Amino acid sequence: QVQLVESGGGLVQPGGSLRLSCAASGISFKIEVMGWYRQAPGKQRELVAFITSGGKINYADSVKGRSTVSRDDAQNTVHLQMNSLKPDDTAVYYCYVDAGLGRHWGQGTQVIVSS
């Protein structure tokens, strides 16, 4: 059974940093893409960042320059380092992996940026 477990969310002050992690297990196929979406209250889910097995990386404009996505294929984990956090970064963050013909999702981790 595929399972993605996220960690690292929480409450942080504006200007602070967080590191989100996601560990995938139970996946039989090569993981091609690992990444993160987020969904703020009342808004659609949006792509934050992804990294492919070949090392291609993409960031949403809203987080570019403030975030770093990385992956550890030996551990089947993906990380998202977010710096200079803003209140607009408040959302539930979901990790995902593309493997085989499917996309698998984590359960989400809440990030709240507030003073």
C-alpha atoms as a PDB file:
ATOM      1  CA  GLN A   1       0.000   0.000   0.000  1.00  0.00           C
ATOM      2  CA  VAL A   2       1.353   3.380  -1.036  1.00  0.00           C
ATOM      3  CA  GLN A   3       1.827   5.815   1.793  1.00  0.00           C
ATOM      4  CA  LEU A   4       3.177   9.360   1.828  1.00  0.00           C
ATOM      5  CA  VAL A   5       3.822  10.851   5.237  1.00  0.00           C
ATOM      6  CA  GLU A   6       4.520  14.549   5.567  1.00  0.00           C
ATOM      7  CA  SER A   7       6.136  16.356   8.448  1.00  0.00           C
ATOM      8  CA  GLY A   8       7.521  19.749   9.337  1.00  0.00           C
ATOM      9  CA  GLY A   9       4.477  21.977   9.225  1.00  0.00           C
ATOM     10  CA  GLY A  10       3.497  24.348  11.983  1.00  0.00           C
ATOM     11  CA  LEU A  11       3.196  27.940  13.071  1.00  0.00           C
ATOM     12  CA  VAL A  12       5.959  30.313  12.082  1.00  0.00           C
ATOM     13  CA  GLN A  13       6.360  34.062  12.226  1.00  0.00           C
ATOM     14  CA  PRO A  14       6.634  36.129   9.054  1.00  0.00           C
ATOM     15  CA  GLY A  15      10.199  36.064   7.823  1.00  0.00           C
ATOM     16  CA  GLY A  16      10.821  32.671   9.366  1.00  0.00           C
ATOM     17  CA  SER A  17      11.686  29.342   7.783  1.00  0.00           C
ATOM     18  CA  LEU A  18      10.278  25.840   7.632  1.00  0.00           C
ATOM     19  CA  ARG A  19      11.472  22.572   6.191  1.00  0.00           C
ATOM     20  CA  LEU A  20       8.775  20.187   5.039  1.00  0.00           C
ATOM     21  CA  SER A  21       9.559  16.540   4.468  1.00  0.00           C
ATOM     22  CA  CYS A  22       7.641  13.712   2.843  1.00  0.00           C
ATOM     23  CA  ALA A  23       8.538  10.050   2.996  1.00  0.00           C
ATOM     24  CA  ALA A  24       7.037   7.672   0.452  1.00  0.00           C
ATOM     25  CA  SER A  25       6.681   3.947   0.964  1.00  0.00           C
ATOM     26  CA  GLY A  26       5.012   1.008  -0.730  1.00  0.00           C
ATOM     27  CA  ILE A  27       5.785   2.233  -4.250  1.00  0.00           C
ATOM     28  CA  SER A  28       6.807  -0.473  -6.702  1.00  0.00           C
ATOM     29  CA  PHE A  29       7.676   1.714  -9.672  1.00  0.00           C
ATOM     30  CA  LYS A  30      10.429   4.202 -10.190  1.00  0.00           C
ATOM     31  CA  ILE A  31       9.423   7.575  -8.763  1.00  0.00           C
ATOM     32  CA  GLU A  32       9.656   9.997 -11.660  1.00  0.00           C
ATOM     33  CA  VAL A  33       8.481  13.206 -10.020  1.00  0.00           C
ATOM     34  CA  MET A  34       8.262  14.330  -6.404  1.00  0.00           C
ATOM     35  CA  GLY A  35       6.782  17.634  -5.392  1.00  0.00           C
ATOM     36  CA  TRP A  36       4.486  19.824  -3.395  1.00  0.00           C
ATOM     37  CA  TYR A  37       1.141  21.522  -3.834  1.00  0.00           C
ATOM     38  CA  ARG A  38      -0.586  23.797  -1.393  1.00  0.00           C
ATOM     39  CA  GLN A  39      -4.132  24.888  -0.783  1.00  0.00           C
ATOM     40  CA  ALA A  40      -5.061  28.017   1.115  1.00  0.00           C
ATOM     41  CA  PRO A  41      -8.533  28.508   2.581  1.00  0.00           C
ATOM     42  CA  GLY A  42     -10.997  29.369  -0.155  1.00  0.00           C
ATOM     43  CA  LYS A  43      -8.445  28.915  -2.919  1.00  0.00           C
ATOM     44  CA  GLN A  44      -7.625  26.233  -5.443  1.00  0.00           C
ATOM     45  CA  ARG A  45      -4.769  23.845  -4.900  1.00  0.00           C
ATOM     46  CA  GLU A  46      -1.635  25.188  -6.572  1.00  0.00           C
ATOM     47  CA  LEU A  47       1.680  23.687  -7.505  1.00  0.00           C
ATOM     48  CA  VAL A  48       4.542  24.900  -5.318  1.00  0.00           C
ATOM     49  CA  ALA A  49       7.542  22.971  -6.604  1.00  0.00           C
ATOM     50  CA  PHE A  50       8.618  19.677  -8.100  1.00  0.00           C
ATOM     51  CA  ILE A  51      11.791  17.790  -8.889  1.00  0.00           C
ATOM     52  CA  THR A  52      12.149  15.020 -11.448  1.00  0.00           C
ATOM     53  CA  SER A  53      14.305  11.921 -11.293  1.00  0.00           C
ATOM     54  CA  GLY A  54      16.606  13.627 -13.756  1.00  0.00           C
ATOM     55  CA  GLY A  55      17.028  16.648 -11.521  1.00  0.00           C
ATOM     56  CA  LYS A  56      14.753  19.084 -13.317  1.00  0.00           C
ATOM     57  CA  ILE A  57      13.268  21.530 -10.830  1.00  0.00           C
ATOM     58  CA  ASN A  58      10.372  23.916 -11.133  1.00  0.00           C
ATOM     59  CA  TYR A  59       9.002  26.479  -8.693  1.00  0.00           C
ATOM     60  CA  ALA A  60       5.875  28.545  -8.596  1.00  0.00           C
ATOM     61  CA  ASP A  61       6.639  32.217  -9.106  1.00  0.00           C
ATOM     62  CA  SER A  62       5.217  32.931  -5.668  1.00  0.00           C
ATOM     63  CA  VAL A  63       7.943  30.910  -3.929  1.00  0.00           C
ATOM     64  CA  LYS A  64      10.827  31.218  -6.391  1.00  0.00           C
ATOM     65  CA  GLY A  65      13.973  32.525  -4.733  1.00  0.00           C
ATOM     66  CA  ARG A  66      12.659  31.653  -1.265  1.00  0.00           C
ATOM     67  CA  SER A  67      12.318  27.909  -1.540  1.00  0.00           C
ATOM     68  CA  THR A  68      14.433  24.877  -2.296  1.00  0.00           C
ATOM     69  CA  VAL A  69      13.062  21.476  -3.217  1.00  0.00           C
ATOM     70  CA  SER A  70      15.273  18.407  -2.945  1.00  0.00           C
ATOM     71  CA  ARG A  71      14.910  14.649  -2.968  1.00  0.00           C
ATOM     72  CA  ASP A  72      16.704  11.646  -1.565  1.00  0.00           C
ATOM     73  CA  ASP A  73      16.030   8.662  -3.803  1.00  0.00           C
ATOM     74  CA  ALA A  74      17.657   6.232  -1.395  1.00  0.00           C
ATOM     75  CA  GLN A  75      15.051   7.183   1.203  1.00  0.00           C
ATOM     76  CA  ASN A  76      12.213   8.010  -1.200  1.00  0.00           C
ATOM     77  CA  THR A  77      11.865  11.386   0.437  1.00  0.00           C
ATOM     78  CA  VAL A  78      11.288  14.888  -0.820  1.00  0.00           C
ATOM     79  CA  HIS A  79      11.951  18.083   1.103  1.00  0.00           C
ATOM     80  CA  LEU A  80      10.824  21.650   0.735  1.00  0.00           C
ATOM     81  CA  GLN A  81      12.860  24.323   2.458  1.00  0.00           C
ATOM     82  CA  MET A  82      10.931  27.574   2.658  1.00  0.00           C
ATOM     83  CA  ASN A  83      12.516  30.829   3.808  1.00  0.00           C
ATOM     84  CA  SER A  84      11.303  34.392   4.252  1.00  0.00           C
ATOM     85  CA  LEU A  85       7.828  33.083   4.852  1.00  0.00           C
ATOM     86  CA  LYS A  86       4.869  35.384   4.329  1.00  0.00           C
ATOM     87  CA  PRO A  87       1.287  35.242   5.581  1.00  0.00           C
ATOM     88  CA  ASP A  88       0.298  34.368   2.000  1.00  0.00           C
ATOM     89  CA  ASP A  89       2.232  31.116   2.400  1.00  0.00           C
ATOM     90  CA  THR A  90      -0.358  29.946   4.916  1.00  0.00           C
ATOM     91  CA  ALA A  91      -1.897  26.780   3.502  1.00  0.00           C
ATOM     92  CA  VAL A  92      -2.103  23.038   3.764  1.00  0.00           C
ATOM     93  CA  TYR A  93       0.886  21.604   1.927  1.00  0.00           C
ATOM     94  CA  TYR A  94       0.521  18.305   0.124  1.00  0.00           C
ATOM     95  CA  CYS A  95       3.375  16.237  -1.209  1.00  0.00           C
ATOM     96  CA  TYR A  96       2.916  14.020  -4.232  1.00  0.00           C
ATOM     97  CA  VAL A  97       4.820  11.491  -6.288  1.00  0.00           C
ATOM     98  CA  ASP A  98       4.356  10.358  -9.864  1.00  0.00           C
ATOM     99  CA  ALA A  99       5.306   6.709 -10.226  1.00  0.00           C
ATOM    100  CA  GLY A 100       4.216   4.243 -12.884  1.00  0.00           C
ATOM    101  CA  LEU A 101       0.925   5.498 -14.240  1.00  0.00           C
ATOM    102  CA  GLY A 102      -0.280   6.987 -11.015  1.00  0.00           C
ATOM    103  CA  ARG A 103      -0.009  10.028  -8.794  1.00  0.00           C
ATOM    104  CA  HIS A 104      -0.045   9.522  -5.072  1.00  0.00           C
ATOM    105  CA  TRP A 105      -0.745  12.146  -2.428  1.00  0.00           C
ATOM    106  CA  GLY A 106       0.135  12.762   1.159  1.00  0.00           C
ATOM    107  CA  GLN A 107      -2.452  13.704   3.744  1.00  0.00           C
ATOM    108  CA  GLY A 108      -1.264  17.293   4.005  1.00  0.00           C
ATOM    109  CA  THR A 109       0.558  19.332   6.619  1.00  0.00           C
ATOM    110  CA  GLN A 110      -0.610  22.722   7.828  1.00  0.00           C
ATOM    111  CA  VAL A 111       1.641  25.750   7.594  1.00  0.00           C
ATOM    112  CA  ILE A 112       0.526  28.941   9.316  1.00  0.00           C
ATOM    113  CA  VAL A 113       2.542  32.109   8.935  1.00  0.00           C
ATOM    114  CA  SER A 114       1.421  34.617  11.507  1.00  0.00           C
ATOM    115  CA  SER A 115       2.743  36.926  14.165  1.00  0.00           C
END
